[in-house]
Amino acid sequence: MKYHVNGNCIGCGMCVATCPAIFRMTERGQAQASAADVSPEDASAAKWARSGCPVNAIETAK
């Protein structure tokens, strides 16, 4: 599974703090998800980051 951060991102950094293996902050101050598939080791943290996003900016990639 892969994730995508949409335009709703407010740059709070919660996803990066929760799952730094998948999410990072860009120079523009918004989160970005890794283009790679989420490893089994990071799956739980990535799901937690998605569910905890205050503006629902994290989606599963299509």
PDB file of N, CA and C in Angstrom:
ATOM      1  N   MET A   1       0.835  -1.169   0.000  1.00  0.00           N
ATOM      2  CA  MET A   1       0.000   0.000   0.000  1.00  0.00           C
ATOM      3  C   MET A   1       0.886   1.239   0.000  1.00  0.00           C
ATOM      4  N   LYS A   2       0.383   2.274  -0.651  1.00  0.00           N
ATOM      5  CA  LYS A   2       1.069   3.562  -0.682  1.00  0.00           C
ATOM      6  C   LYS A   2       0.119   4.626  -0.178  1.00  0.00           C
ATOM      7  N   TYR A   3       0.690   5.742   0.276  1.00  0.00           N
ATOM      8  CA  TYR A   3      -0.114   6.862   0.751  1.00  0.00           C
ATOM      9  C   TYR A   3       0.192   8.107  -0.067  1.00  0.00           C
ATOM     10  N   HIS A   4      -0.747   9.032  -0.033  1.00  0.00           N
ATOM     11  CA  HIS A   4      -0.629  10.314  -0.722  1.00  0.00           C
ATOM     12  C   HIS A   4      -1.126  11.396   0.225  1.00  0.00           C
ATOM     13  N   VAL A   5      -0.450  12.531   0.244  1.00  0.00           N
ATOM     14  CA  VAL A   5      -0.885  13.672   1.048  1.00  0.00           C
ATOM     15  C   VAL A   5      -1.522  14.676   0.086  1.00  0.00           C
ATOM     16  N   ASN A   6      -2.801  14.983   0.316  1.00  0.00           N
ATOM     17  CA  ASN A   6      -3.508  15.882  -0.598  1.00  0.00           C
ATOM     18  C   ASN A   6      -3.321  17.350  -0.197  1.00  0.00           C
ATOM     19  N   GLY A   7      -3.967  18.231  -0.922  1.00  0.00           N
ATOM     20  CA  GLY A   7      -3.831  19.665  -0.727  1.00  0.00           C
ATOM     21  C   GLY A   7      -4.417  20.197   0.562  1.00  0.00           C
ATOM     22  N   ASN A   8      -5.095  19.360   1.332  1.00  0.00           N
ATOM     23  CA  ASN A   8      -5.649  19.800   2.613  1.00  0.00           C
ATOM     24  C   ASN A   8      -4.581  19.969   3.695  1.00  0.00           C
ATOM     25  N   CYS A   9      -3.376  19.480   3.449  1.00  0.00           N
ATOM     26  CA  CYS A   9      -2.322  19.478   4.463  1.00  0.00           C
ATOM     27  C   CYS A   9      -2.071  20.890   5.003  1.00  0.00           C
ATOM     28  N   ILE A  10      -2.035  20.985   6.329  1.00  0.00           N
ATOM     29  CA  ILE A  10      -1.766  22.271   6.990  1.00  0.00           C
ATOM     30  C   ILE A  10      -0.344  22.330   7.567  1.00  0.00           C
ATOM     31  N   GLY A  11       0.428  21.276   7.336  1.00  0.00           N
ATOM     32  CA  GLY A  11       1.822  21.275   7.776  1.00  0.00           C
ATOM     33  C   GLY A  11       2.018  21.117   9.264  1.00  0.00           C
ATOM     34  N   CYS A  12       1.112  20.439   9.943  1.00  0.00           N
ATOM     35  CA  CYS A  12       1.227  20.298  11.399  1.00  0.00           C
ATOM     36  C   CYS A  12       2.355  19.344  11.808  1.00  0.00           C
ATOM     37  N   GLY A  13       2.741  18.431  10.926  1.00  0.00           N
ATOM     38  CA  GLY A  13       3.839  17.520  11.202  1.00  0.00           C
ATOM     39  C   GLY A  13       3.473  16.278  11.996  1.00  0.00           C
ATOM     40  N   MET A  14       2.203  16.090  12.295  1.00  0.00           N
ATOM     41  CA  MET A  14       1.782  14.932  13.069  1.00  0.00           C
ATOM     42  C   MET A  14       2.154  13.624  12.372  1.00  0.00           C
ATOM     43  N   CYS A  15       1.962  13.563  11.069  1.00  0.00           N
ATOM     44  CA  CYS A  15       2.261  12.329  10.345  1.00  0.00           C
ATOM     45  C   CYS A  15       3.759  12.021  10.363  1.00  0.00           C
ATOM     46  N   VAL A  16       4.575  13.050  10.258  1.00  0.00           N
ATOM     47  CA  VAL A  16       6.028  12.872  10.289  1.00  0.00           C
ATOM     48  C   VAL A  16       6.471  12.375  11.657  1.00  0.00           C
ATOM     49  N   ALA A  17       5.886  12.929  12.693  1.00  0.00           N
ATOM     50  CA  ALA A  17       6.225  12.501  14.057  1.00  0.00           C
ATOM     51  C   ALA A  17       5.754  11.070  14.322  1.00  0.00           C
ATOM     52  N   THR A  18       4.640  10.693  13.720  1.00  0.00           N
ATOM     53  CA  THR A  18       4.067   9.368  13.934  1.00  0.00           C
ATOM     54  C   THR A  18       4.754   8.294  13.093  1.00  0.00           C
ATOM     55  N   CYS A  19       5.082   8.638  11.852  1.00  0.00           N
ATOM     56  CA  CYS A  19       5.663   7.646  10.943  1.00  0.00           C
ATOM     57  C   CYS A  19       6.707   8.290  10.027  1.00  0.00           C
ATOM     58  N   PRO A  20       7.882   8.606  10.566  1.00  0.00           N
ATOM     59  CA  PRO A  20       8.907   9.270   9.764  1.00  0.00           C
ATOM     60  C   PRO A  20       9.476   8.410   8.630  1.00  0.00           C
ATOM     61  N   ALA A  21       9.242   7.122   8.687  1.00  0.00           N
ATOM     62  CA  ALA A  21       9.717   6.255   7.596  1.00  0.00           C
ATOM     63  C   ALA A  21       8.921   6.480   6.316  1.00  0.00           C
ATOM     64  N   ILE A  22       7.706   6.999   6.431  1.00  0.00           N
ATOM     65  CA  ILE A  22       6.838   7.189   5.268  1.00  0.00           C
ATOM     66  C   ILE A  22       6.600   8.663   4.952  1.00  0.00           C
ATOM     67  N   PHE A  23       6.506   9.500   5.961  1.00  0.00           N
ATOM     68  CA  PHE A  23       6.169  10.906   5.755  1.00  0.00           C
ATOM     69  C   PHE A  23       7.334  11.822   6.089  1.00  0.00           C
ATOM     70  N   ARG A  24       7.433  12.912   5.331  1.00  0.00           N
ATOM     71  CA  ARG A  24       8.451  13.934   5.574  1.00  0.00           C
ATOM     72  C   ARG A  24       7.844  15.289   5.275  1.00  0.00           C
ATOM     73  N   MET A  25       8.482  16.328   5.770  1.00  0.00           N
ATOM     74  CA  MET A  25       8.042  17.696   5.491  1.00  0.00           C
ATOM     75  C   MET A  25       8.835  18.232   4.302  1.00  0.00           C
ATOM     76  N   THR A  26       8.158  18.912   3.405  1.00  0.00           N
ATOM     77  CA  THR A  26       8.813  19.512   2.244  1.00  0.00           C
ATOM     78  C   THR A  26       9.318  20.909   2.612  1.00  0.00           C
ATOM     79  N   GLU A  27      10.059  21.512   1.718  1.00  0.00           N
ATOM     80  CA  GLU A  27      10.561  22.869   1.929  1.00  0.00           C
ATOM     81  C   GLU A  27       9.417  23.872   1.993  1.00  0.00           C
ATOM     82  N   ARG A  28       8.272  23.518   1.424  1.00  0.00           N
ATOM     83  CA  ARG A  28       7.093  24.398   1.449  1.00  0.00           C
ATOM     84  C   ARG A  28       6.295  24.261   2.742  1.00  0.00           C
ATOM     85  N   GLY A  29       6.747  23.376   3.629  1.00  0.00           N
ATOM     86  CA  GLY A  29       6.096  23.219   4.917  1.00  0.00           C
ATOM     87  C   GLY A  29       4.881  22.318   4.924  1.00  0.00           C
ATOM     88  N   GLN A  30       4.779  21.468   3.913  1.00  0.00           N
ATOM     89  CA  GLN A  30       3.686  20.504   3.866  1.00  0.00           C
ATOM     90  C   GLN A  30       4.259  19.095   3.880  1.00  0.00           C
ATOM     91  N   ALA A  31       3.433  18.162   4.323  1.00  0.00           N
ATOM     92  CA  ALA A  31       3.882  16.770   4.377  1.00  0.00           C
ATOM     93  C   ALA A  31       3.875  16.147   2.985  1.00  0.00           C
ATOM     94  N   GLN A  32       4.710  15.141   2.843  1.00  0.00           N
ATOM     95  CA  GLN A  32       4.775  14.369   1.608  1.00  0.00           C
ATOM     96  C   GLN A  32       4.978  12.917   1.993  1.00  0.00           C
ATOM     97  N   ALA A  33       4.293  12.035   1.285  1.00  0.00           N
ATOM     98  CA  ALA A  33       4.431  10.604   1.544  1.00  0.00           C
ATOM     99  C   ALA A  33       5.468  10.007   0.608  1.00  0.00           C
ATOM    100  N   SER A  34       6.134   8.982   1.075  1.00  0.00           N
ATOM    101  CA  SER A  34       7.096   8.256   0.262  1.00  0.00           C
ATOM    102  C   SER A  34       6.390   7.618  -0.928  1.00  0.00           C
ATOM    103  N   ALA A  35       7.077   7.547  -2.048  1.00  0.00           N
ATOM    104  CA  ALA A  35       6.515   6.913  -3.237  1.00  0.00           C
ATOM    105  C   ALA A  35       6.580   5.391  -3.145  1.00  0.00           C
ATOM    106  N   ALA A  36       7.335   4.901  -2.189  1.00  0.00           N
ATOM    107  CA  ALA A  36       7.500   3.450  -2.036  1.00  0.00           C
ATOM    108  C   ALA A  36       6.318   2.838  -1.286  1.00  0.00           C
ATOM    109  N   ASP A  37       6.130   1.551  -1.487  1.00  0.00           N
ATOM    110  CA  ASP A  37       5.120   0.825  -0.719  1.00  0.00           C
ATOM    111  C   ASP A  37       5.500   0.845   0.758  1.00  0.00           C
ATOM    112  N   VAL A  38       4.492   0.893   1.603  1.00  0.00           N
ATOM    113  CA  VAL A  38       4.706   0.857   3.049  1.00  0.00           C
ATOM    114  C   VAL A  38       5.121  -0.559   3.437  1.00  0.00           C
ATOM    115  N   SER A  39       6.209  -0.677   4.169  1.00  0.00           N
ATOM    116  CA  SER A  39       6.680  -1.990   4.606  1.00  0.00           C
ATOM    117  C   SER A  39       5.765  -2.523   5.703  1.00  0.00           C
ATOM    118  N   PRO A  40       5.743  -3.832   5.899  1.00  0.00           N
ATOM    119  CA  PRO A  40       4.931  -4.393   6.986  1.00  0.00           C
ATOM    120  C   PRO A  40       5.299  -3.813   8.352  1.00  0.00           C
ATOM    121  N   GLU A  41       6.565  -3.478   8.530  1.00  0.00           N
ATOM    122  CA  GLU A  41       7.019  -2.918   9.806  1.00  0.00           C
ATOM    123  C   GLU A  41       6.444  -1.522  10.063  1.00  0.00           C
ATOM    124  N   ASP A  42       6.173  -0.768   8.988  1.00  0.00           N
ATOM    125  CA  ASP A  42       5.692   0.600   9.123  1.00  0.00           C
ATOM    126  C   ASP A  42       4.189   0.741   8.910  1.00  0.00           C
ATOM    127  N   ALA A  43       3.513  -0.348   8.579  1.00  0.00           N
ATOM    128  CA  ALA A  43       2.087  -0.285   8.229  1.00  0.00           C
ATOM    129  C   ALA A  43       1.232   0.261   9.362  1.00  0.00           C
ATOM    130  N   SER A  44       1.458  -0.186  10.570  1.00  0.00           N
ATOM    131  CA  SER A  44       0.643   0.259  11.693  1.00  0.00           C
ATOM    132  C   SER A  44       0.830   1.750  11.955  1.00  0.00           C
ATOM    133  N   ALA A  45       2.061   2.218  11.947  1.00  0.00           N
ATOM    134  CA  ALA A  45       2.336   3.635  12.192  1.00  0.00           C
ATOM    135  C   ALA A  45       1.765   4.500  11.067  1.00  0.00           C
ATOM    136  N   ALA A  46       1.843   4.036   9.828  1.00  0.00           N
ATOM    137  CA  ALA A  46       1.299   4.797   8.703  1.00  0.00           C
ATOM    138  C   ALA A  46      -0.220   4.910   8.809  1.00  0.00           C
ATOM    139  N   LYS A  47      -0.877   3.828   9.190  1.00  0.00           N
ATOM    140  CA  LYS A  47      -2.332   3.867   9.380  1.00  0.00           C
ATOM    141  C   LYS A  47      -2.695   4.810  10.520  1.00  0.00           C
ATOM    142  N   TRP A  48      -1.920   4.792  11.585  1.00  0.00           N
ATOM    143  CA  TRP A  48      -2.149   5.681  12.726  1.00  0.00           C
ATOM    144  C   TRP A  48      -1.989   7.139  12.287  1.00  0.00           C
ATOM    145  N   ALA A  49      -0.989   7.418  11.474  1.00  0.00           N
ATOM    146  CA  ALA A  49      -0.782   8.774  10.974  1.00  0.00           C
ATOM    147  C   ALA A  49      -1.972   9.218  10.127  1.00  0.00           C
ATOM    148  N   ARG A  50      -2.456   8.330   9.284  1.00  0.00           N
ATOM    149  CA  ARG A  50      -3.606   8.664   8.437  1.00  0.00           C
ATOM    150  C   ARG A  50      -4.837   8.957   9.284  1.00  0.00           C
ATOM    151  N   SER A  51      -5.116   8.106  10.229  1.00  0.00           N
ATOM    152  CA  SER A  51      -6.319   8.296  11.042  1.00  0.00           C
ATOM    153  C   SER A  51      -6.208   9.505  11.969  1.00  0.00           C
ATOM    154  N   GLY A  52      -4.990   9.900  12.307  1.00  0.00           N
ATOM    155  CA  GLY A  52      -4.796  11.023  13.210  1.00  0.00           C
ATOM    156  C   GLY A  52      -4.660  12.375  12.539  1.00  0.00           C
ATOM    157  N   CYS A  53      -4.625  12.396  11.220  1.00  0.00           N
ATOM    158  CA  CYS A  53      -4.477  13.671  10.507  1.00  0.00           C
ATOM    159  C   CYS A  53      -5.689  14.557  10.804  1.00  0.00           C
ATOM    160  N   PRO A  54      -5.465  15.768  11.330  1.00  0.00           N
ATOM    161  CA  PRO A  54      -6.582  16.617  11.734  1.00  0.00           C
ATOM    162  C   PRO A  54      -7.409  17.176  10.576  1.00  0.00           C
ATOM    163  N   VAL A  55      -6.883  17.121   9.357  1.00  0.00           N
ATOM    164  CA  VAL A  55      -7.605  17.656   8.207  1.00  0.00           C
ATOM    165  C   VAL A  55      -7.849  16.605   7.117  1.00  0.00           C
ATOM    166  N   ASN A  56      -7.672  15.340   7.470  1.00  0.00           N
ATOM    167  CA  ASN A  56      -7.890  14.235   6.523  1.00  0.00           C
ATOM    168  C   ASN A  56      -7.132  14.428   5.206  1.00  0.00           C
ATOM    169  N   ALA A  57      -5.870  14.806   5.322  1.00  0.00           N
ATOM    170  CA  ALA A  57      -5.051  15.045   4.136  1.00  0.00           C
ATOM    171  C   ALA A  57      -4.336  13.804   3.633  1.00  0.00           C
ATOM    172  N   ILE A  58      -4.367  12.723   4.392  1.00  0.00           N
ATOM    173  CA  ILE A  58      -3.651  11.513   3.995  1.00  0.00           C
ATOM    174  C   ILE A  58      -4.631  10.514   3.407  1.00  0.00           C
ATOM    175  N   GLU A  59      -4.335  10.100   2.185  1.00  0.00           N
ATOM    176  CA  GLU A  59      -5.179   9.155   1.469  1.00  0.00           C
ATOM    177  C   GLU A  59      -4.357   7.964   1.029  1.00  0.00           C
ATOM    178  N   THR A  60      -5.023   6.866   0.746  1.00  0.00           N
ATOM    179  CA  THR A  60      -4.318   5.755   0.128  1.00  0.00           C
ATOM    180  C   THR A  60      -4.125   6.130  -1.347  1.00  0.00           C
ATOM    181  N   ALA A  61      -2.948   5.858  -1.867  1.00  0.00           N
ATOM    182  CA  ALA A  61      -2.636   6.185  -3.257  1.00  0.00           C
ATOM    183  C   ALA A  61      -3.327   5.211  -4.184  1.00  0.00           C
ATOM    184  N   LYS A  62      -3.698   5.705  -5.330  1.00  0.00           N
ATOM    185  CA  LYS A  62      -4.396   4.873  -6.316  1.00  0.00           C
ATOM    186  C   LYS A  62      -3.486   4.429  -7.408  1.00  0.00           C
TER     187      LYS A  62
END
